[in-house]
Amino acid sequence: MPKFKIGDQIKYNPGHYDVEYGFITKVKESNESAFCRFWSNYQGGQLRTMTNSESCNFRDIKKCNTNIPQVTIDAWLKHLGYNKEEATND
């Protein structure tokens, strides 16, 4: 069972940056990383960027409730063309 899956809500804290909140779009178990999208600090329920996901090491992300309804995350995943049923992309 993977540690993370597509659609998991997360907080990202690499230690030397502010904490960011978002969700997972792809999982790479082989190198213990996930690609994530992050919420805008200025527009609730909107993504910080529409162009790409960002690679994050498992050690820097934790599952959490981001106070964004899961149905909103699922809608973003569908809009962006991600398949939530894929557990990993190794």
Protein backbone atom coordinates (compact mmCIF):
# COMPACT_ATOMS: atom_id res chain seq x y z
CA MET A 1 0.00 0.00 0.00
CA PRO A 2 1.51 3.35 -1.00
CA LYS A 3 2.19 5.93 1.66
CA PHE A 4 0.41 8.58 -0.41
CA LYS A 5 -2.13 8.49 -3.23
CA ILE A 6 -3.48 10.88 -5.84
CA GLY A 7 -5.90 13.33 -4.25
CA ASP A 8 -4.46 13.18 -0.72
CA GLN A 9 -4.56 16.57 0.98
CA ILE A 10 -1.13 17.56 2.25
CA LYS A 11 0.95 20.20 3.94
CA TYR A 12 4.45 20.76 2.60
CA ASN A 13 7.26 21.97 4.83
CA PRO A 14 10.79 21.46 3.51
CA GLY A 15 12.18 23.07 6.67
CA HIS A 16 13.42 26.37 5.32
CA TYR A 17 10.25 27.66 3.64
CA ASP A 18 6.78 28.55 4.82
CA VAL A 19 4.28 25.71 5.02
CA GLU A 20 2.16 25.27 1.91
CA TYR A 21 -1.08 23.34 1.56
CA GLY A 22 -2.26 21.38 -1.44
CA PHE A 23 -2.88 17.91 -2.82
CA ILE A 24 -1.02 15.10 -4.56
CA THR A 25 -1.28 14.65 -8.33
CA LYS A 26 1.26 11.82 -8.85
CA VAL A 27 3.23 9.44 -6.63
CA LYS A 28 6.72 8.07 -7.34
CA GLU A 29 7.29 5.31 -4.77
CA SER A 30 10.67 4.40 -6.30
CA ASN A 31 12.27 7.67 -5.25
CA GLU A 32 9.91 8.49 -2.36
CA SER A 33 8.45 11.61 -3.89
CA ALA A 34 5.12 12.99 -4.99
CA PHE A 35 4.06 15.69 -7.41
CA CYS A 36 1.80 18.22 -5.74
CA ARG A 37 -0.35 21.24 -6.54
CA PHE A 38 -0.63 24.03 -3.99
CA TRP A 39 -3.43 26.39 -3.05
CA SER A 40 -3.19 30.10 -3.66
CA ASN A 41 -2.64 32.20 -0.54
CA TYR A 42 -4.76 34.93 -2.14
CA GLN A 43 -7.75 33.15 -3.70
CA GLY A 44 -9.49 30.47 -1.67
CA GLY A 45 -10.05 27.21 -3.53
CA GLN A 46 -7.83 28.32 -6.43
CA LEU A 47 -4.47 26.84 -7.36
CA ARG A 48 -1.27 28.84 -6.98
CA THR A 49 -0.26 27.91 -10.53
CA MET A 50 -2.06 26.25 -13.40
CA THR A 51 1.07 25.26 -15.35
CA ASN A 52 2.63 22.39 -13.40
CA SER A 53 2.86 20.23 -10.29
CA GLU A 54 5.92 20.39 -8.07
CA SER A 55 8.05 17.45 -6.94
CA CYS A 56 8.17 17.01 -3.15
CA ASN A 57 10.06 14.44 -1.09
CA PHE A 58 7.93 12.23 1.16
CA ARG A 59 9.88 13.44 4.20
CA ASP A 60 8.65 17.01 3.59
CA ILE A 61 4.93 16.28 3.16
CA LYS A 62 2.32 15.17 5.64
CA LYS A 63 -1.30 14.20 5.09
CA CYS A 64 -3.69 16.75 6.57
CA ASN A 65 -7.09 18.35 6.15
CA THR A 66 -6.58 21.55 4.14
CA ASN A 67 -10.15 22.76 4.82
CA ILE A 68 -10.84 22.47 1.10
CA PRO A 69 -13.63 19.94 0.47
CA GLN A 70 -12.42 16.71 -1.16
CA VAL A 71 -15.04 17.20 -3.87
CA THR A 72 -13.22 20.42 -4.88
CA ILE A 73 -9.90 18.58 -5.08
CA ASP A 74 -11.52 15.81 -7.13
CA ALA A 75 -12.94 18.43 -9.51
CA TRP A 76 -9.47 20.04 -9.92
CA LEU A 77 -7.91 16.64 -10.59
CA LYS A 78 -10.50 15.92 -13.28
CA HIS A 79 -10.13 19.41 -14.80
CA LEU A 80 -6.33 19.01 -14.93
CA GLY A 81 -6.57 15.52 -16.49
CA TYR A 82 -5.34 13.40 -13.59
CA ASN A 83 -6.67 9.90 -12.91
CA LYS A 84 -7.38 9.61 -9.19
CA GLU A 85 -7.62 5.82 -9.48
CA GLU A 86 -3.89 5.54 -10.28
CA ALA A 87 -2.09 4.79 -7.02
CA THR A 88 1.47 5.27 -8.26
CA ASN A 89 3.24 6.25 -11.45
CA ASP A 90 6.43 4.17 -11.20
